Amino acid sequence: MKQPEPSTDRGSSSLQRQEETTVSSQTTHGAADMTRRMVCGGLAGMIAKTATNPLDRIRMLSQTGEHGIKLSSSTTTTKRITPLQLYKSILQNEGILGLWAGNGANLLRVFP
């Protein structure tokens, strides 16, 4: 059986350089991984906001009352406008892209 050779200074300095290289590459990969995760998270948030923007737009219009639907004078003021009526009104007045009005500002809030 062979006996292991005792370590020399030259061998230990080589090992030390390898450890430093490994640590520095892990730091670089860690920063790249963090950046990748932030970008992926931001894009996922933007996709989610864009997908739900029509519902958000209908909610905002119903809360503010600036939907442009006129109630007839014969109806009482307690009658509420349904989300389906708001949806149809947006499609008639603004077209399909009206459902995504204000989406740009929402996206800037999610992922500057």
Foldseek 3Di string as FASTA:
>chain_A
DDDDDDDDPVVVVVVVVVVVVVVVVVVVVVVVVVVVVLVVQLVVVLVVCQVCQLVVVLVVCQVVVPLPDDDDPVDDPVDGDDSVNSVVSQCVPPNPCSSCPPSVVVSVVRRD
